N, C-alpha and C. Protein backbone atom coordinates (compact mmCIF):
# COMPACT_ATOMS: atom_id res chain seq x y z
N UNK A 1 -62.35 -3.35 -187.68
CA UNK A 1 -62.59 -3.21 -186.61
C UNK A 1 -61.44 -1.94 -186.05
N UNK A 2 -60.35 -2.28 -186.13
CA UNK A 2 -59.23 -1.58 -185.91
C UNK A 2 -59.16 -0.58 -186.67
N UNK A 3 -59.52 -0.48 -188.14
CA UNK A 3 -59.20 0.50 -189.24
C UNK A 3 -60.30 1.27 -188.61
N UNK A 4 -61.59 1.15 -188.29
CA UNK A 4 -62.44 1.87 -188.00
C UNK A 4 -62.26 2.77 -186.42
N UNK A 5 -61.40 2.28 -185.83
CA UNK A 5 -61.10 2.68 -184.51
C UNK A 5 -59.77 3.94 -184.92
N UNK A 6 -59.01 3.46 -185.85
CA UNK A 6 -58.18 4.26 -186.35
C UNK A 6 -58.59 5.62 -186.79
N UNK A 7 -59.58 5.16 -187.62
CA UNK A 7 -60.15 6.31 -188.44
C UNK A 7 -61.08 7.18 -187.60
N UNK A 8 -61.89 6.78 -186.37
CA UNK A 8 -62.41 7.81 -185.35
C UNK A 8 -61.32 8.39 -184.49
N UNK A 9 -60.11 8.09 -183.94
CA UNK A 9 -59.10 8.62 -183.62
C UNK A 9 -58.48 9.60 -184.36
N UNK A 10 -58.54 9.25 -185.75
CA UNK A 10 -57.70 10.58 -186.68
C UNK A 10 -58.92 11.96 -186.89
N UNK A 11 -60.49 11.24 -186.83
CA UNK A 11 -61.27 12.48 -186.73
C UNK A 11 -61.26 13.21 -185.62
N UNK A 12 -61.20 12.41 -184.06
CA UNK A 12 -61.37 13.16 -183.29
C UNK A 12 -59.92 14.13 -182.93
N UNK A 13 -58.96 13.80 -183.38
CA UNK A 13 -57.75 14.84 -183.50
C UNK A 13 -58.20 15.79 -184.29
N UNK A 14 -58.43 15.60 -185.28
CA UNK A 14 -59.05 16.75 -186.33
C UNK A 14 -59.85 17.76 -185.66
N UNK A 15 -60.71 17.07 -185.18
CA UNK A 15 -62.09 18.14 -184.51
C UNK A 15 -61.23 18.96 -183.08
N UNK A 16 -60.32 18.02 -182.67
CA UNK A 16 -59.83 18.92 -181.73
C UNK A 16 -58.67 20.26 -181.90
N UNK A 17 -58.32 20.09 -183.20
CA UNK A 17 -57.45 20.84 -183.75
C UNK A 17 -58.19 22.00 -183.94
N UNK A 18 -59.40 21.81 -184.64
CA UNK A 18 -60.35 22.64 -184.89
C UNK A 18 -61.20 23.67 -184.02
N UNK A 19 -61.34 22.83 -183.00
CA UNK A 19 -61.74 23.55 -181.78
C UNK A 19 -61.01 24.65 -181.31
N UNK A 20 -59.52 24.12 -181.22
CA UNK A 20 -58.67 25.07 -180.73
C UNK A 20 -58.18 26.20 -181.32
N UNK A 21 -58.35 26.29 -182.70
CA UNK A 21 -58.57 27.23 -183.72
C UNK A 21 -59.43 28.15 -183.42
N UNK A 22 -60.56 27.52 -183.10
CA UNK A 22 -61.66 28.59 -183.21
C UNK A 22 -61.65 29.03 -181.84
N UNK A 23 -61.37 28.74 -180.68
CA UNK A 23 -60.95 29.36 -179.70
C UNK A 23 -60.38 30.21 -179.53
N UNK A 24 -58.87 30.18 -180.02
CA UNK A 24 -57.87 31.11 -179.98
C UNK A 24 -58.50 32.27 -181.06
N UNK A 25 -59.13 32.19 -181.95
CA UNK A 25 -59.48 33.15 -183.34
C UNK A 25 -60.56 33.91 -182.27
N UNK A 26 -61.31 33.41 -181.33
CA UNK A 26 -62.40 34.14 -180.12
C UNK A 26 -61.53 35.19 -179.38
N UNK A 27 -60.53 34.47 -178.79
CA UNK A 27 -60.09 34.95 -177.34
C UNK A 27 -59.05 35.65 -177.52
N UNK A 28 -58.05 35.23 -178.60
CA UNK A 28 -56.68 35.95 -178.72
C UNK A 28 -56.79 36.25 -180.30
N UNK A 29 -57.37 37.50 -180.69
CA UNK A 29 -57.19 38.19 -182.09
C UNK A 29 -55.97 38.34 -182.58
N UNK A 30 -55.63 38.55 -183.70
CA UNK A 30 -54.16 38.82 -184.14
C UNK A 30 -53.82 39.90 -183.82
N UNK A 31 -52.62 40.38 -183.65
CA UNK A 31 -52.08 41.37 -183.32
C UNK A 31 -51.76 42.32 -184.44
N UNK A 32 -52.14 43.65 -184.59
CA UNK A 32 -51.50 44.32 -185.68
C UNK A 32 -50.38 45.15 -185.13
N UNK A 33 -49.20 44.90 -185.00
CA UNK A 33 -47.82 45.57 -184.80
C UNK A 33 -47.08 46.34 -185.44
N UNK A 34 -47.78 46.20 -186.71
CA UNK A 34 -47.37 47.08 -187.82
C UNK A 34 -47.64 48.62 -187.61
N UNK A 35 -46.87 49.61 -187.62
CA UNK A 35 -47.02 50.97 -187.65
C UNK A 35 -47.43 51.52 -186.01
N UNK A 36 -46.90 50.42 -185.20
CA UNK A 36 -46.70 51.01 -183.80
C UNK A 36 -45.22 51.46 -183.65
N UNK A 37 -45.11 52.29 -182.64
CA UNK A 37 -43.75 52.94 -181.97
C UNK A 37 -43.41 51.87 -181.03
N UNK A 38 -42.35 52.20 -180.39
CA UNK A 38 -41.37 51.11 -179.44
C UNK A 38 -42.19 51.44 -178.43
N UNK A 39 -42.54 52.56 -177.83
CA UNK A 39 -43.18 52.69 -176.45
C UNK A 39 -44.65 52.00 -176.65
N UNK A 40 -45.31 52.05 -177.63
CA UNK A 40 -46.69 51.22 -177.81
C UNK A 40 -46.46 49.63 -177.83
N UNK A 41 -45.53 49.25 -178.27
CA UNK A 41 -45.14 47.86 -178.26
C UNK A 41 -44.68 47.26 -176.91
N UNK A 42 -43.76 48.41 -176.35
CA UNK A 42 -43.53 48.08 -174.80
C UNK A 42 -44.59 47.79 -174.03
N UNK A 43 -45.55 48.93 -174.13
CA UNK A 43 -46.69 48.85 -173.29
C UNK A 43 -47.50 47.47 -173.59
N UNK A 44 -48.23 47.34 -174.89
CA UNK A 44 -48.92 45.87 -175.56
C UNK A 44 -47.92 44.57 -174.73
N UNK A 45 -46.54 44.76 -174.57
CA UNK A 45 -46.06 43.40 -174.06
C UNK A 45 -46.05 43.37 -172.64
N UNK A 46 -45.93 44.54 -172.01
CA UNK A 46 -46.25 44.75 -170.41
C UNK A 46 -47.78 44.13 -170.30
N UNK A 47 -48.79 44.46 -170.98
CA UNK A 47 -50.07 43.81 -170.86
C UNK A 47 -50.34 42.94 -171.01
N UNK A 48 -49.59 41.96 -172.20
CA UNK A 48 -49.69 40.72 -172.39
C UNK A 48 -49.20 39.85 -171.35
N UNK A 49 -48.19 40.40 -170.50
CA UNK A 49 -47.24 39.52 -169.60
C UNK A 49 -48.45 39.89 -168.31
N UNK A 50 -48.94 40.80 -168.01
CA UNK A 50 -50.13 40.76 -166.98
C UNK A 50 -50.86 39.99 -167.07
N UNK A 51 -51.57 39.44 -168.56
CA UNK A 51 -52.57 38.69 -168.80
C UNK A 51 -52.13 37.17 -168.51
N UNK A 52 -50.79 36.97 -169.19
CA UNK A 52 -50.19 35.64 -168.69
C UNK A 52 -49.96 35.33 -167.41
N UNK A 53 -49.58 36.14 -166.57
CA UNK A 53 -49.30 36.05 -165.42
C UNK A 53 -50.56 35.53 -164.58
N UNK A 54 -51.76 36.20 -164.94
CA UNK A 54 -53.26 36.18 -164.34
C UNK A 54 -53.36 34.59 -164.62
N UNK A 55 -53.15 34.28 -166.01
CA UNK A 55 -53.83 33.04 -166.29
C UNK A 55 -52.75 31.89 -165.93
N UNK A 56 -51.58 32.24 -165.60
CA UNK A 56 -50.57 30.98 -165.03
C UNK A 56 -51.35 30.99 -163.62
N UNK A 57 -51.60 31.88 -162.68
CA UNK A 57 -52.24 31.92 -161.45
C UNK A 57 -53.44 30.96 -161.29
N UNK A 58 -54.39 31.15 -162.20
CA UNK A 58 -55.48 30.35 -162.19
C UNK A 58 -55.06 28.82 -162.63
N UNK A 59 -54.24 28.62 -163.66
CA UNK A 59 -53.71 27.32 -163.96
C UNK A 59 -53.11 26.70 -162.67
N UNK A 60 -51.79 27.10 -162.14
CA UNK A 60 -51.67 26.67 -160.50
C UNK A 60 -52.92 26.16 -159.66
N UNK A 61 -53.87 27.43 -159.47
CA UNK A 61 -54.78 27.06 -158.92
C UNK A 61 -55.50 25.58 -159.05
N UNK A 62 -55.75 25.59 -160.46
CA UNK A 62 -56.52 24.47 -160.69
C UNK A 62 -55.85 23.28 -160.93
N UNK A 63 -54.99 23.39 -160.90
CA UNK A 63 -54.06 22.14 -160.78
C UNK A 63 -53.79 21.51 -159.57
N UNK A 64 -53.51 22.45 -158.44
CA UNK A 64 -53.83 22.46 -157.01
C UNK A 64 -54.90 21.43 -156.54
N UNK A 65 -55.68 21.91 -157.01
CA UNK A 65 -57.28 21.32 -156.65
C UNK A 65 -57.41 20.07 -157.37
N UNK A 66 -56.91 19.68 -158.46
CA UNK A 66 -57.03 18.54 -159.24
C UNK A 66 -56.16 17.78 -158.50
N UNK A 67 -54.90 17.97 -158.25
CA UNK A 67 -54.00 17.25 -157.18
C UNK A 67 -54.46 16.92 -156.01
N UNK A 68 -55.30 17.76 -155.26
CA UNK A 68 -55.96 17.37 -153.80
C UNK A 68 -57.02 16.35 -154.11
N UNK A 69 -57.83 16.63 -154.98
CA UNK A 69 -59.11 15.84 -155.53
C UNK A 69 -58.60 14.47 -155.74
N UNK A 70 -57.44 14.28 -156.65
CA UNK A 70 -57.00 13.01 -157.05
C UNK A 70 -56.17 12.06 -155.56
N UNK A 71 -55.68 12.73 -154.93
CA UNK A 71 -55.12 12.06 -153.61
C UNK A 71 -56.48 11.84 -152.87
N UNK A 72 -57.36 12.81 -152.96
CA UNK A 72 -58.72 12.53 -151.78
C UNK A 72 -59.35 11.08 -152.18
N UNK A 73 -59.30 10.50 -153.61
CA UNK A 73 -59.93 9.61 -154.31
C UNK A 73 -59.31 8.57 -153.87
N UNK A 74 -57.80 8.58 -154.13
CA UNK A 74 -57.10 7.71 -154.14
C UNK A 74 -57.10 7.37 -152.51
N UNK A 75 -56.91 8.11 -151.46
CA UNK A 75 -57.37 7.59 -150.19
C UNK A 75 -58.70 7.16 -149.73
N UNK A 76 -59.64 7.75 -150.56
CA UNK A 76 -61.34 7.01 -150.29
C UNK A 76 -60.77 5.77 -150.69
N UNK A 77 -60.47 5.36 -152.04
CA UNK A 77 -60.45 3.97 -152.43
C UNK A 77 -59.68 3.30 -151.78
N UNK A 78 -58.50 3.52 -151.33
CA UNK A 78 -57.92 2.86 -150.23
C UNK A 78 -58.71 2.35 -148.91
N UNK A 79 -59.61 3.15 -148.50
CA UNK A 79 -60.40 3.11 -147.08
C UNK A 79 -61.45 1.95 -147.67
N UNK A 80 -61.83 2.08 -148.97
CA UNK A 80 -62.56 1.38 -149.11
C UNK A 80 -62.19 -0.29 -149.40
N UNK A 81 -61.18 -0.34 -149.69
CA UNK A 81 -60.80 -1.68 -150.13
C UNK A 81 -60.38 -2.32 -148.83
N UNK A 82 -59.89 -1.41 -147.64
CA UNK A 82 -59.52 -1.98 -146.61
C UNK A 82 -60.83 -2.11 -145.65
N UNK A 83 -61.77 -1.50 -145.75
CA UNK A 83 -63.05 -1.58 -145.32
C UNK A 83 -63.78 -2.97 -145.70
N UNK A 84 -63.66 -3.71 -147.18
CA UNK A 84 -63.91 -4.48 -148.06
C UNK A 84 -63.16 -5.77 -147.19
N UNK A 85 -61.99 -6.03 -146.88
CA UNK A 85 -61.42 -7.02 -146.33
C UNK A 85 -61.21 -7.19 -145.27
N UNK A 86 -61.65 -5.80 -144.45
CA UNK A 86 -61.53 -6.06 -142.77
C UNK A 86 -62.81 -7.26 -142.37
N UNK A 87 -64.00 -6.69 -142.74
CA UNK A 87 -64.98 -7.09 -142.27
C UNK A 87 -65.37 -8.32 -142.94
N UNK A 88 -65.87 -9.33 -142.33
CA UNK A 88 -66.79 -10.20 -142.96
C UNK A 88 -68.47 -10.13 -143.03
N UNK A 89 -69.03 -10.46 -144.03
CA UNK A 89 -70.25 -10.31 -143.91
C UNK A 89 -71.09 -11.42 -143.24
N UNK A 90 -71.91 -10.97 -142.47
CA UNK A 90 -72.51 -12.11 -141.29
C UNK A 90 -73.35 -12.95 -142.25
N UNK A 91 -73.64 -14.18 -141.64
CA UNK A 91 -74.46 -14.93 -142.41
C UNK A 91 -75.96 -14.50 -141.96
N UNK A 92 -76.96 -14.74 -142.91
CA UNK A 92 -78.06 -14.29 -142.52
C UNK A 92 -78.90 -15.15 -142.01
N UNK A 93 -79.66 -14.85 -141.15
CA UNK A 93 -80.43 -15.85 -140.50
C UNK A 93 -81.90 -15.38 -140.77
N UNK A 94 -82.68 -16.72 -140.74
CA UNK A 94 -84.30 -16.78 -140.94
C UNK A 94 -84.68 -15.77 -139.97
N UNK A 95 -86.09 -15.20 -140.21
CA UNK A 95 -86.69 -14.47 -138.93
C UNK A 95 -88.07 -14.72 -139.55
N UNK A 96 -88.99 -15.15 -138.33
CA UNK A 96 -90.19 -15.54 -138.53
C UNK A 96 -91.30 -14.40 -138.56
N UNK A 97 -91.77 -14.17 -139.61
CA UNK A 97 -92.72 -13.00 -139.73
C UNK A 97 -94.02 -13.61 -139.98
N UNK A 98 -94.89 -12.67 -139.29
CA UNK A 98 -96.10 -13.34 -139.48
C UNK A 98 -96.66 -12.62 -140.85
N UNK A 99 -97.54 -13.36 -141.13
CA UNK A 99 -98.65 -12.87 -142.58
C UNK A 99 -99.17 -11.65 -142.37
N UNK A 100 -99.68 -10.77 -141.12
CA UNK A 100 -100.26 -9.92 -141.14
C UNK A 100 -98.80 -8.60 -141.30
N UNK A 101 -97.65 -9.09 -140.78
CA UNK A 101 -96.51 -7.83 -141.10
C UNK A 101 -95.96 -8.08 -142.57
N UNK A 102 -96.42 -9.37 -142.93
CA UNK A 102 -95.78 -9.27 -144.49
C UNK A 102 -96.42 -8.06 -145.05
N UNK A 103 -98.11 -8.54 -145.17
CA UNK A 103 -98.93 -7.67 -145.80
C UNK A 103 -98.87 -6.04 -145.44
N UNK A 104 -98.45 -5.80 -144.20
CA UNK A 104 -98.38 -4.54 -143.77
C UNK A 104 -96.85 -3.87 -144.45
N UNK A 105 -96.45 -4.91 -144.60
CA UNK A 105 -94.73 -3.97 -145.00
C UNK A 105 -95.11 -4.08 -146.52
N UNK A 106 -96.03 -5.04 -147.52
CA UNK A 106 -95.74 -4.63 -148.74
C UNK A 106 -97.11 -3.75 -149.20
N UNK A 107 -98.05 -3.89 -148.44
CA UNK A 107 -99.49 -3.04 -148.88
C UNK A 107 -99.02 -1.38 -148.18
N UNK A 108 -98.38 -1.32 -146.96
CA UNK A 108 -98.28 -0.06 -146.37
C UNK A 108 -98.83 -0.06 -145.42
N UNK A 109 -98.83 0.70 -144.51
CA UNK A 109 -99.42 1.12 -143.19
C UNK A 109 -101.09 1.23 -143.08
N UNK A 110 -101.15 2.06 -144.33
CA UNK A 110 -102.79 2.70 -144.49
C UNK A 110 -103.63 1.35 -144.43
N UNK A 111 -103.01 0.43 -145.32
CA UNK A 111 -104.40 -0.89 -145.50
C UNK A 111 -104.04 -1.52 -144.20
N UNK A 112 -105.52 -1.48 -143.79
CA UNK A 112 -105.42 -2.60 -142.50
C UNK A 112 -106.16 -4.03 -143.15
N UNK A 113 -105.35 -4.87 -143.54
CA UNK A 113 -105.76 -6.35 -143.92
C UNK A 113 -105.11 -7.25 -142.66
N UNK A 114 -106.28 -7.97 -142.43
CA UNK A 114 -105.80 -8.91 -141.64
C UNK A 114 -105.98 -10.59 -141.77
N UNK A 115 -105.11 -11.32 -142.00
CA UNK A 115 -105.22 -12.99 -141.86
C UNK A 115 -105.03 -13.50 -141.24
N UNK A 116 -105.74 -13.50 -140.48
CA UNK A 116 -105.86 -14.13 -138.84
C UNK A 116 -106.35 -15.50 -139.13
N UNK A 117 -105.28 -16.57 -139.41
CA UNK A 117 -105.68 -17.82 -140.04
C UNK A 117 -106.30 -18.63 -138.96
N UNK A 118 -106.11 -18.30 -137.83
CA UNK A 118 -106.75 -19.29 -136.66
C UNK A 118 -108.23 -18.80 -136.32
N UNK A 119 -108.68 -17.83 -136.86
CA UNK A 119 -109.92 -17.58 -136.70
C UNK A 119 -111.06 -18.45 -137.01
N UNK A 120 -110.58 -19.09 -138.01
CA UNK A 120 -111.63 -20.35 -138.65
C UNK A 120 -111.26 -21.72 -137.98
N UNK A 121 -110.44 -21.76 -137.22
CA UNK A 121 -110.12 -22.72 -136.07
C UNK A 121 -111.32 -23.31 -135.34
N UNK A 122 -111.68 -24.27 -135.12
CA UNK A 122 -112.53 -24.56 -133.98
C UNK A 122 -111.83 -24.25 -132.49
N UNK A 123 -112.97 -23.98 -131.87
CA UNK A 123 -112.29 -23.61 -130.47
C UNK A 123 -112.62 -24.61 -129.28
N UNK A 124 -111.81 -24.77 -128.59
CA UNK A 124 -111.79 -25.55 -127.60
C UNK A 124 -112.20 -25.16 -126.33
N UNK A 125 -113.20 -25.83 -125.59
CA UNK A 125 -113.76 -25.35 -124.42
C UNK A 125 -112.74 -25.65 -123.52
N UNK A 126 -112.31 -24.46 -122.49
CA UNK A 126 -111.36 -24.66 -121.44
C UNK A 126 -112.44 -23.98 -120.30
N UNK A 127 -113.46 -23.93 -120.08
CA UNK A 127 -114.21 -23.24 -119.34
C UNK A 127 -114.32 -24.15 -117.73
N UNK A 128 -114.32 -25.54 -117.62
CA UNK A 128 -114.32 -26.16 -116.58
C UNK A 128 -113.02 -25.86 -115.97
N UNK A 129 -111.85 -25.87 -116.49
CA UNK A 129 -110.56 -25.68 -115.67
C UNK A 129 -110.21 -24.18 -115.18
N UNK A 130 -111.05 -23.22 -115.80
CA UNK A 130 -111.07 -21.89 -115.25
C UNK A 130 -111.82 -21.64 -114.04
N UNK A 131 -113.02 -22.17 -114.38
CA UNK A 131 -113.92 -22.36 -113.19
C UNK A 131 -113.27 -22.64 -111.86
N UNK A 132 -112.78 -24.14 -112.02
CA UNK A 132 -112.05 -24.30 -110.73
C UNK A 132 -111.03 -23.63 -110.10
N UNK A 133 -110.52 -23.17 -110.80
CA UNK A 133 -109.41 -22.04 -110.51
C UNK A 133 -110.03 -21.04 -109.73
N UNK A 134 -110.90 -20.54 -110.23
CA UNK A 134 -111.43 -19.40 -109.54
C UNK A 134 -112.39 -19.55 -108.49
N UNK A 135 -112.36 -20.82 -108.17
CA UNK A 135 -113.53 -21.05 -106.81
C UNK A 135 -112.47 -21.29 -105.84
N UNK A 136 -111.18 -21.59 -106.17
CA UNK A 136 -110.13 -21.75 -105.05
C UNK A 136 -109.74 -20.42 -104.65
N UNK A 137 -109.37 -19.60 -105.52
CA UNK A 137 -108.89 -18.38 -105.46
C UNK A 137 -110.18 -17.54 -104.58
N UNK A 138 -111.45 -17.34 -105.08
CA UNK A 138 -112.44 -16.72 -104.38
C UNK A 138 -112.71 -17.47 -102.89
N UNK A 139 -112.47 -18.66 -102.79
CA UNK A 139 -112.34 -19.23 -101.35
C UNK A 139 -111.24 -18.72 -100.56
N UNK A 140 -110.36 -18.89 -100.68
CA UNK A 140 -108.90 -18.54 -100.24
C UNK A 140 -108.93 -17.04 -99.73
N UNK A 141 -109.74 -16.34 -100.64
CA UNK A 141 -109.52 -14.73 -100.33
C UNK A 141 -110.88 -14.57 -98.93
N UNK A 142 -111.66 -15.23 -98.98
CA UNK A 142 -113.05 -15.24 -98.22
C UNK A 142 -112.08 -15.61 -96.68
N UNK A 143 -111.37 -16.65 -97.01
CA UNK A 143 -110.86 -17.38 -95.85
C UNK A 143 -109.85 -16.49 -95.13
N UNK A 144 -109.25 -15.64 -95.77
CA UNK A 144 -108.19 -15.01 -95.42
C UNK A 144 -108.43 -13.83 -94.02
N UNK A 145 -109.79 -13.25 -94.18
CA UNK A 145 -110.34 -12.58 -93.20
C UNK A 145 -111.08 -13.31 -92.11
N UNK A 146 -111.57 -14.59 -91.91
CA UNK A 146 -111.76 -15.44 -91.16
C UNK A 146 -110.53 -16.15 -90.25
N UNK A 147 -109.31 -16.14 -91.12
CA UNK A 147 -108.11 -16.84 -90.51
C UNK A 147 -107.45 -15.79 -89.54
N UNK A 148 -107.68 -14.68 -89.84
CA UNK A 148 -106.70 -13.33 -89.20
C UNK A 148 -107.31 -13.60 -88.00
N UNK A 149 -106.07 -13.07 -87.21
CA UNK A 149 -106.26 -12.98 -85.40
C UNK A 149 -105.92 -14.46 -84.64
N UNK A 150 -105.93 -14.17 -83.67
CA UNK A 150 -105.63 -15.61 -82.96
C UNK A 150 -106.93 -16.63 -82.89
N UNK A 151 -108.11 -16.25 -83.33
CA UNK A 151 -109.08 -17.38 -83.35
C UNK A 151 -108.74 -18.35 -84.81
N UNK A 152 -108.56 -17.44 -85.92
CA UNK A 152 -107.89 -18.07 -87.07
C UNK A 152 -106.99 -19.31 -86.66
N UNK A 153 -106.06 -18.73 -86.16
CA UNK A 153 -104.86 -19.38 -85.95
C UNK A 153 -105.00 -20.74 -84.87
N UNK A 154 -105.83 -20.13 -84.20
CA UNK A 154 -106.68 -21.65 -83.48
C UNK A 154 -107.20 -22.54 -84.16
N UNK A 155 -107.93 -22.27 -85.16
CA UNK A 155 -108.78 -22.99 -85.85
C UNK A 155 -108.17 -23.86 -86.91
N UNK A 156 -106.69 -23.39 -87.23
CA UNK A 156 -106.06 -23.75 -87.96
C UNK A 156 -105.20 -24.81 -87.31
N UNK A 157 -104.93 -24.61 -85.94
CA UNK A 157 -104.12 -25.43 -85.10
C UNK A 157 -105.26 -26.90 -85.15
N UNK A 158 -106.22 -26.29 -84.67
CA UNK A 158 -107.25 -27.65 -84.55
C UNK A 158 -107.58 -28.46 -85.59
N UNK A 159 -107.55 -27.71 -86.38
CA UNK A 159 -108.08 -28.51 -87.65
C UNK A 159 -106.54 -29.43 -88.25
N UNK A 160 -105.41 -28.59 -87.97
CA UNK A 160 -104.53 -29.80 -88.17
C UNK A 160 -104.21 -31.20 -87.37
N UNK A 161 -104.64 -30.74 -86.11
CA UNK A 161 -104.84 -32.02 -85.19
C UNK A 161 -105.86 -33.40 -85.41
């Protein structure tokens, strides 16, 4: 396994060198300086120096951006680590959810599925107690008008004795 990794590493280095040579052949052709006068050579050197300055400025800008980004990444990693350590996750509590709500969340709001489990249960008659309450309320409302004024208060006083 180590021998295979070593072979792959050597192959990678050979590939990088070939890529470098290909790039240089495309972007920096060989200079033909033979047969040039001194003034032409000086002009060629000036042009090359200008190109080198432009490339150095670009390289410097890229390095500055890379350093800025690496600092930002380090700061964000530190913040993430601080946030992880600072807050404890709360214990989750059980939440009571009806069957209808579960179906709505699973099927979406478009489906109107109802699982009313209480619909099939027997109903208990509570009519007797409700009638008694309504009778008292209706009697009281009728008596309010009769009891208003001095006559009603006199009746109440007489009834109390």
